[in-house]
Amino acid sequence: MNRTYIPLSQRPHTLHRLSLAPMVDKSDRDWRWIMRRITRHTLLYTEMITAPAVIRGDRKKLLGFDDSEKPLVLQLGWDEPGDLAEACRIAEDFGYDEINLNCGCPSDKVQQHDFGACLMARPSHVAELVESMASATSLPITVKNRIGIRSRKNGLSLETYEHLHQFVGTVAEAGCRKFTIHARIAILEGLSPRENRDVPPLRPEDVYRLKADFPELFIEINGGYRTRSDIDAALVQADAVMLGRLALDDPWILSLADRLWFAETSPAPTRREVLEASIPYMIRRAEQGASRGLLIQPLMNLFAGQKGAKAWKRAMTELHGAGSEGFTGALWAAVDLLDDELLDRRSE
């Protein structure tokens, strides 16, 4: 592909007001395909993929996606400029809309290779990584980071607003114009990645202050948004909101996303419409060898808070043990458990 270099600061970014977070073992291509049946405009992310995996792994399996998943961002993780640049060259040919550098994951495995949240201790190095990535692709390069990090083992405490301001300012000088910020610090030992999503407390005021200090940057906030009113309030002070666990726990709240935050005038989908599109897709993907357990995850909480939700979840759970021949019938039988009014109701 012929790539004409454009300064990173001049590249158009995917400036969507709402996005769904990159989530390990969750936001794979099948999850994204089904989410796209619920919301057409919300920006989607891949799981984090390391640059060496892209370079040496099964590229079609790792990077392939259905065009209907777009707009779509590839999230990369690593700390070596050359590897990240090569991964960007490879990824651009797959048709992604943006490439995001992970500077927020606190997992032990990531720490062993000194990337993810560890990179927040080296803002100048992150700037170098961004520049190297930008030199290899015409796509916009963006960054997802925490508001700070702490490591007792290394005697590291970069937790103040001033540290966050320095990090973003340094990386922005390399041309990055879009930052997605998880509004809590990452603790680099003693907590699991799951615990690092809940403690210490969120500090959204730091992200809002950052937007005020860098009005020219696109600042997206991530962390703890659970309701429509919370999202609306955040959008007054930040450019966008990234959702994570809400999309897992109550995905149907996204059925109104297009109308609420993207000025879509078409009617919101019904759950029946989503299922009638998703079930044939799931059957086809299962026949291709995709894990049936992973395929049902996006639909597990489709009826959260509604009458019949327990029966639905039980039926979905039982699908784990269904044989290949029984999988199709069990899926449609689960739909038959639900009330027609619920299946055909549109969110308002």
Protein backbone atom coordinates (compact mmCIF):
# COMPACT_ATOMS: atom_id res chain seq x y z
CA MET A 1 0.00 0.00 0.00
CA ASN A 2 1.29 3.47 -0.90
CA ARG A 3 1.46 5.51 2.32
CA THR A 4 1.87 9.27 2.16
CA TYR A 5 3.17 10.62 5.45
CA ILE A 6 0.84 13.11 7.12
CA PRO A 7 1.88 14.79 10.40
CA LEU A 8 0.10 12.99 13.20
CA SER A 9 -1.46 16.18 14.52
CA GLN A 10 -3.17 16.71 11.15
CA ARG A 11 -4.75 13.26 10.84
CA PRO A 12 -8.50 13.01 11.43
CA HIS A 13 -9.35 10.96 14.49
CA THR A 14 -12.43 8.87 15.21
CA LEU A 15 -14.10 11.54 17.32
CA HIS A 16 -17.05 9.51 18.54
CA ARG A 17 -18.80 10.62 21.72
CA LEU A 18 -19.17 7.03 22.92
CA SER A 19 -16.94 3.97 22.67
CA LEU A 20 -16.72 0.44 24.05
CA ALA A 21 -13.47 -0.41 25.79
CA PRO A 22 -10.86 -2.96 24.72
CA MET A 23 -11.40 -5.92 27.07
CA VAL A 24 -9.25 -9.05 27.22
CA ASP A 25 -11.19 -12.21 26.37
CA LYS A 26 -14.31 -10.10 25.79
CA SER A 27 -14.09 -7.66 22.88
CA ASP A 28 -13.19 -10.21 20.24
CA ARG A 29 -14.59 -10.13 16.72
CA ASP A 30 -17.75 -12.07 17.61
CA TRP A 31 -18.57 -9.85 20.59
CA ARG A 32 -18.04 -6.79 18.41
CA TRP A 33 -20.21 -8.18 15.60
CA ILE A 34 -23.11 -8.67 17.99
CA MET A 35 -22.59 -5.28 19.69
CA ARG A 36 -22.80 -3.69 16.26
CA ARG A 37 -26.34 -5.11 15.92
CA ILE A 38 -27.27 -3.11 19.04
CA THR A 39 -25.46 0.14 18.18
CA ARG A 40 -24.32 1.14 14.71
CA HIS A 41 -22.26 4.20 15.63
CA THR A 42 -20.53 3.56 18.95
CA LEU A 43 -16.78 3.24 18.41
CA LEU A 44 -15.50 -0.31 18.99
CA TYR A 45 -12.04 -1.50 20.04
CA THR A 46 -10.27 -4.81 19.68
CA GLU A 47 -8.73 -6.57 22.62
CA MET A 48 -5.17 -5.45 23.28
CA ILE A 49 -2.81 -7.33 20.95
CA THR A 50 0.96 -7.22 21.41
CA ALA A 51 3.11 -6.03 18.53
CA PRO A 52 5.18 -9.28 18.41
CA ALA A 53 1.96 -11.29 18.14
CA VAL A 54 0.92 -9.23 15.12
CA ILE A 55 4.34 -9.64 13.52
CA ARG A 56 4.80 -13.37 14.13
CA GLY A 57 1.31 -14.71 14.80
CA ASP A 58 -1.70 -15.71 12.71
CA ARG A 59 -2.52 -12.29 11.34
CA LYS A 60 -5.85 -13.20 9.81
CA LYS A 61 -7.03 -14.68 13.10
CA LEU A 62 -5.68 -11.83 15.23
CA LEU A 63 -6.54 -8.87 13.01
CA GLY A 64 -9.37 -10.03 10.77
CA PHE A 65 -12.83 -8.54 11.23
CA ASP A 66 -16.14 -8.11 9.45
CA ASP A 67 -16.61 -4.75 7.75
CA SER A 68 -19.82 -4.22 9.68
CA GLU A 69 -17.76 -3.85 12.87
CA LYS A 70 -16.39 -0.51 11.69
CA PRO A 71 -15.66 2.10 12.92
CA LEU A 72 -13.04 0.01 14.68
CA VAL A 73 -9.83 0.73 16.59
CA LEU A 74 -6.94 -1.71 16.97
CA GLN A 75 -5.28 -1.51 20.37
CA LEU A 76 -1.61 -2.47 20.46
CA GLY A 77 0.63 -3.12 23.42
CA TRP A 78 4.44 -3.14 23.53
CA ASP A 79 7.36 -0.87 24.36
CA GLU A 80 9.74 -1.29 21.41
CA PRO A 81 9.44 1.35 18.65
CA GLY A 82 10.47 -0.88 15.76
CA ASP A 83 8.06 -3.67 16.64
CA LEU A 84 5.18 -1.24 17.09
CA ALA A 85 5.95 0.42 13.76
CA GLU A 86 5.98 -2.94 11.96
CA ALA A 87 2.70 -3.94 13.63
CA CYS A 88 1.15 -0.67 12.44
CA ARG A 89 2.29 -1.31 8.85
CA ILE A 90 0.71 -4.75 8.95
CA ALA A 91 -2.51 -3.58 10.60
CA GLU A 92 -3.21 -0.71 8.22
CA ASP A 93 -3.77 -3.13 5.35
CA PHE A 94 -6.60 -4.76 7.32
CA GLY A 95 -8.65 -1.56 7.24
CA TYR A 96 -8.74 -0.29 10.82
CA ASP A 97 -9.80 3.29 11.45
CA GLU A 98 -7.30 4.08 14.20
CA ILE A 99 -4.49 2.46 16.20
CA ASN A 100 -4.37 2.91 19.96
CA LEU A 101 -1.35 2.41 22.22
CA ASN A 102 -2.11 0.77 25.57
CA CYS A 103 -0.52 2.69 28.47
CA GLY A 104 -2.96 1.54 31.12
CA CYS A 105 -2.97 -2.25 31.57
CA PRO A 106 -1.52 -3.24 34.99
CA SER A 107 -1.38 -7.04 34.62
CA ASP A 108 1.66 -8.94 35.88
CA LYS A 109 2.31 -10.36 32.42
CA VAL A 110 2.33 -6.90 30.87
CA GLN A 111 4.60 -5.59 33.64
CA GLN A 112 7.13 -8.34 32.92
CA HIS A 113 7.65 -6.79 29.49
CA ASP A 114 7.51 -3.20 30.80
CA PHE A 115 4.59 -1.92 28.76
CA GLY A 116 0.96 -1.07 29.49
CA ALA A 117 0.64 1.10 32.62
CA CYS A 118 4.40 0.89 33.21
CA LEU A 119 4.86 3.23 30.25
CA MET A 120 3.35 6.11 32.22
CA ALA A 121 6.68 6.35 34.09
CA ARG A 122 8.40 7.12 30.76
CA PRO A 123 6.43 9.83 28.93
CA SER A 124 9.35 10.71 26.64
CA HIS A 125 9.61 7.06 25.61
CA VAL A 126 5.86 6.96 24.91
CA ALA A 127 6.32 10.03 22.72
CA GLU A 128 9.03 8.12 20.85
CA LEU A 129 6.71 5.12 20.45
CA VAL A 130 3.93 7.33 19.08
CA GLU A 131 6.31 8.96 16.62
CA SER A 132 7.59 5.58 15.44
CA MET A 133 4.06 4.24 14.99
CA ALA A 134 3.00 7.37 13.11
CA SER A 135 5.97 7.04 10.74
CA ALA A 136 4.74 3.60 9.66
CA THR A 137 1.07 4.26 8.95
CA SER A 138 -1.30 6.94 7.70
CA LEU A 139 -3.78 6.05 10.45
CA PRO A 140 -4.20 8.23 13.53
CA ILE A 141 -2.28 7.02 16.60
CA THR A 142 -4.00 7.52 19.94
CA VAL A 143 -3.20 6.64 23.55
CA LYS A 144 -5.18 5.03 26.38
CA ASN A 145 -3.69 5.64 29.83
CA ARG A 146 -4.45 5.93 33.54
CA ILE A 147 -4.41 9.12 35.63
CA GLY A 148 -1.31 7.75 37.37
CA ILE A 149 0.56 4.71 38.66
CA ARG A 150 1.96 3.42 41.95
CA SER A 151 4.51 0.69 42.63
CA ARG A 152 5.74 0.04 46.17
CA LYS A 153 8.26 -2.50 44.87
CA ASN A 154 9.93 0.08 42.65
CA GLY A 155 9.33 3.00 44.99
CA LEU A 156 7.27 4.60 42.23
CA SER A 157 4.49 7.07 42.97
CA LEU A 158 3.23 9.07 39.99
CA GLU A 159 -0.24 9.84 41.28
CA THR A 160 -0.74 13.59 41.19
CA TYR A 161 -2.49 15.67 38.58
CA GLU A 162 0.86 17.25 37.78
CA HIS A 163 2.23 13.84 36.73
CA LEU A 164 -0.78 13.24 34.48
CA HIS A 165 -0.45 16.71 32.96
CA GLN A 166 3.25 16.11 32.22
CA PHE A 167 2.57 12.71 30.64
CA VAL A 168 -0.18 13.98 28.33
CA GLY A 169 1.72 17.16 27.48
CA THR A 170 4.86 15.24 26.54
CA VAL A 171 3.02 12.72 24.36
CA ALA A 172 0.93 15.47 22.76
CA GLU A 173 4.17 17.15 21.66
CA ALA A 174 4.80 14.05 19.54
CA GLY A 175 1.58 14.81 17.67
CA CYS A 176 -0.96 12.66 19.53
CA ARG A 177 -4.28 14.48 19.68
CA LYS A 178 -6.58 11.93 21.29
CA PHE A 179 -6.28 10.42 24.77
CA THR A 180 -8.62 7.98 26.48
CA ILE A 181 -8.06 8.19 30.21
CA HIS A 182 -9.12 5.67 32.84
CA ALA A 183 -9.86 7.95 35.79
CA ARG A 184 -8.08 5.92 38.47
CA ILE A 185 -4.45 5.16 39.13
CA ALA A 186 -3.02 1.71 38.39
CA ILE A 187 -1.38 -0.11 41.28
CA LEU A 188 1.37 -2.26 39.82
CA GLU A 189 1.51 -4.99 42.42
CA GLY A 190 -0.78 -6.54 44.99
CA LEU A 191 -3.92 -6.19 42.91
CA SER A 192 -5.29 -8.23 40.04
CA PRO A 193 -6.32 -6.45 36.82
CA ARG A 194 -9.92 -6.95 37.92
CA GLU A 195 -9.26 -5.31 41.30
CA ASN A 196 -7.44 -2.49 39.52
CA ARG A 197 -10.76 -1.64 37.86
CA ASP A 198 -12.36 -0.95 41.25
CA VAL A 199 -9.69 0.48 43.54
CA PRO A 200 -8.39 3.03 44.33
CA PRO A 201 -11.24 5.55 43.94
CA LEU A 202 -12.04 7.19 40.65
CA ARG A 203 -10.89 10.79 40.14
CA PRO A 204 -12.87 12.05 37.16
CA GLU A 205 -12.13 15.64 38.18
CA ASP A 206 -8.52 15.09 37.05
CA VAL A 207 -9.68 14.17 33.55
CA TYR A 208 -12.04 17.14 33.36
CA ARG A 209 -9.22 19.44 34.51
CA LEU A 210 -6.99 17.97 31.83
CA LYS A 211 -9.56 18.83 29.16
CA ALA A 212 -9.68 22.41 30.47
CA ASP A 213 -5.88 22.63 30.36
CA PHE A 214 -5.62 21.05 26.88
CA PRO A 215 -8.72 22.26 25.05
CA GLU A 216 -7.12 21.44 21.68
CA LEU A 217 -6.92 17.72 22.55
CA PHE A 218 -9.73 15.18 22.28
CA ILE A 219 -10.10 13.82 25.83
CA GLU A 220 -12.21 10.73 26.47
CA ILE A 221 -12.96 9.54 30.00
CA ASN A 222 -13.26 5.91 31.09
CA GLY A 223 -14.28 4.39 34.41
CA GLY A 224 -17.50 3.71 36.30
CA TYR A 225 -20.16 5.12 33.99
CA ARG A 226 -23.35 3.13 34.47
CA THR A 227 -26.34 5.31 33.58
CA ARG A 228 -27.54 7.60 30.84
CA SER A 229 -27.48 10.60 33.19
CA ASP A 230 -23.88 9.84 34.27
CA ILE A 231 -22.78 9.71 30.64
CA ASP A 232 -24.58 12.96 29.79
CA ALA A 233 -22.98 14.72 32.75
CA ALA A 234 -19.50 13.51 31.73
CA LEU A 235 -20.00 14.73 28.16
CA VAL A 236 -20.42 18.27 29.46
CA GLN A 237 -16.77 18.26 30.63
CA ALA A 238 -15.08 15.67 28.38
CA ASP A 239 -15.27 15.01 24.66
CA ALA A 240 -16.31 11.36 24.93
CA VAL A 241 -17.06 8.52 27.32
CA MET A 242 -15.70 4.99 27.07
CA LEU A 243 -17.83 2.20 28.54
CA GLY A 244 -16.54 -1.19 29.65
CA ARG A 245 -18.35 -3.41 32.09
CA LEU A 246 -21.69 -1.76 31.43
CA ALA A 247 -21.59 -3.24 27.93
CA LEU A 248 -21.13 -6.66 29.53
CA ASP A 249 -23.58 -6.31 32.41
CA ASP A 250 -26.41 -4.49 30.62
CA PRO A 251 -25.71 -4.28 26.88
CA TRP A 252 -29.26 -3.25 26.04
CA ILE A 253 -28.62 0.24 27.39
CA LEU A 254 -26.61 0.69 24.17
CA SER A 255 -29.70 0.18 22.02
CA LEU A 256 -30.44 3.89 22.50
CA ALA A 257 -26.85 5.04 22.06
CA ASP A 258 -27.27 5.97 18.39
CA ARG A 259 -30.31 8.15 19.05
CA LEU A 260 -29.00 9.73 22.26
CA TRP A 261 -25.39 10.48 21.35
CA PHE A 262 -25.12 10.24 17.56
CA ALA A 263 -28.29 12.05 16.38
CA GLU A 264 -29.60 8.89 14.68
CA THR A 265 -33.25 9.25 13.67
CA SER A 266 -33.99 5.61 12.82
CA PRO A 267 -35.86 3.57 15.44
CA ALA A 268 -33.83 1.73 18.05
CA PRO A 269 -33.60 -2.03 17.41
CA THR A 270 -35.67 -4.60 19.23
CA ARG A 271 -34.16 -7.56 21.03
CA ARG A 272 -35.90 -9.86 18.54
CA GLU A 273 -34.20 -8.09 15.64
CA VAL A 274 -30.83 -8.42 17.34
CA LEU A 275 -31.36 -12.12 18.03
CA GLU A 276 -32.68 -12.90 14.55
CA ALA A 277 -29.47 -11.42 13.13
CA SER A 278 -27.12 -12.80 15.78
CA ILE A 279 -28.24 -16.41 16.07
CA PRO A 280 -27.54 -17.38 12.43
CA TYR A 281 -24.17 -15.63 12.79
CA MET A 282 -23.40 -17.59 15.97
CA ILE A 283 -24.35 -20.87 14.33
CA ARG A 284 -22.13 -20.11 11.34
CA ARG A 285 -19.19 -19.13 13.54
CA ALA A 286 -19.61 -22.22 15.71
CA GLU A 287 -19.47 -24.36 12.58
CA GLN A 288 -16.19 -22.56 11.73
CA GLY A 289 -14.75 -23.60 15.07
CA ALA A 290 -15.39 -20.56 17.25
CA SER A 291 -15.91 -21.26 20.95
CA ARG A 292 -19.60 -21.61 21.74
CA GLY A 293 -18.90 -20.37 25.25
CA LEU A 294 -17.42 -17.13 23.92
CA LEU A 295 -20.13 -16.74 21.30
CA ILE A 296 -22.91 -16.61 23.88
CA GLN A 297 -21.18 -14.07 26.15
CA PRO A 298 -22.46 -10.94 24.34
CA LEU A 299 -26.05 -12.15 24.74
CA MET A 300 -25.85 -13.44 28.31
CA ASN A 301 -27.18 -10.21 29.85
CA LEU A 302 -29.32 -9.04 26.94
CA PHE A 303 -32.40 -9.16 29.20
CA ALA A 304 -30.81 -7.81 32.38
CA GLY A 305 -33.41 -6.43 34.75
CA GLN A 306 -36.32 -7.84 32.74
CA LYS A 307 -38.82 -10.58 33.51
CA GLY A 308 -37.42 -13.82 32.14
CA ALA A 309 -33.77 -12.76 32.52
CA LYS A 310 -32.95 -15.66 34.87
CA ALA A 311 -34.45 -18.25 32.55
CA TRP A 312 -32.59 -16.73 29.63
CA LYS A 313 -29.24 -16.77 31.44
CA ARG A 314 -29.83 -20.34 32.56
CA ALA A 315 -30.57 -21.37 28.95
CA MET A 316 -27.44 -19.55 27.76
CA THR A 317 -25.32 -21.25 30.41
CA GLU A 318 -26.64 -24.67 29.41
CA LEU A 319 -25.50 -23.98 25.85
CA HIS A 320 -21.92 -24.50 27.04
CA GLY A 321 -22.64 -28.21 27.16
CA ALA A 322 -24.76 -28.46 24.03
CA GLY A 323 -23.37 -30.62 21.28
CA SER A 324 -22.79 -29.15 17.85
CA GLU A 325 -26.09 -30.53 16.57
CA GLY A 326 -28.05 -29.29 19.58
CA PHE A 327 -26.58 -25.80 19.61
CA THR A 328 -28.88 -24.43 16.90
CA GLY A 329 -32.07 -25.79 18.38
CA ALA A 330 -31.11 -24.72 21.90
CA LEU A 331 -30.53 -21.14 20.79
CA TRP A 332 -33.95 -20.80 19.21
CA ALA A 333 -35.57 -22.65 22.11
CA ALA A 334 -34.09 -20.05 24.48
CA VAL A 335 -35.78 -17.30 22.47
CA ASP A 336 -39.11 -19.12 22.79
CA LEU A 337 -38.86 -18.80 26.57
CA LEU A 338 -39.35 -15.05 26.34
CA ASP A 339 -42.45 -12.92 26.11
CA ASP A 340 -43.24 -11.50 22.67
CA GLU A 341 -43.88 -8.03 24.12
CA LEU A 342 -40.38 -7.97 25.62
CA LEU A 343 -38.78 -9.23 22.44
CA ASP A 344 -40.49 -6.58 20.30
CA ARG A 345 -40.27 -3.62 22.68
CA ARG A 346 -38.13 -0.70 21.53
CA SER A 347 -36.15 1.33 24.04
CA GLU A 348 -37.23 4.93 24.58
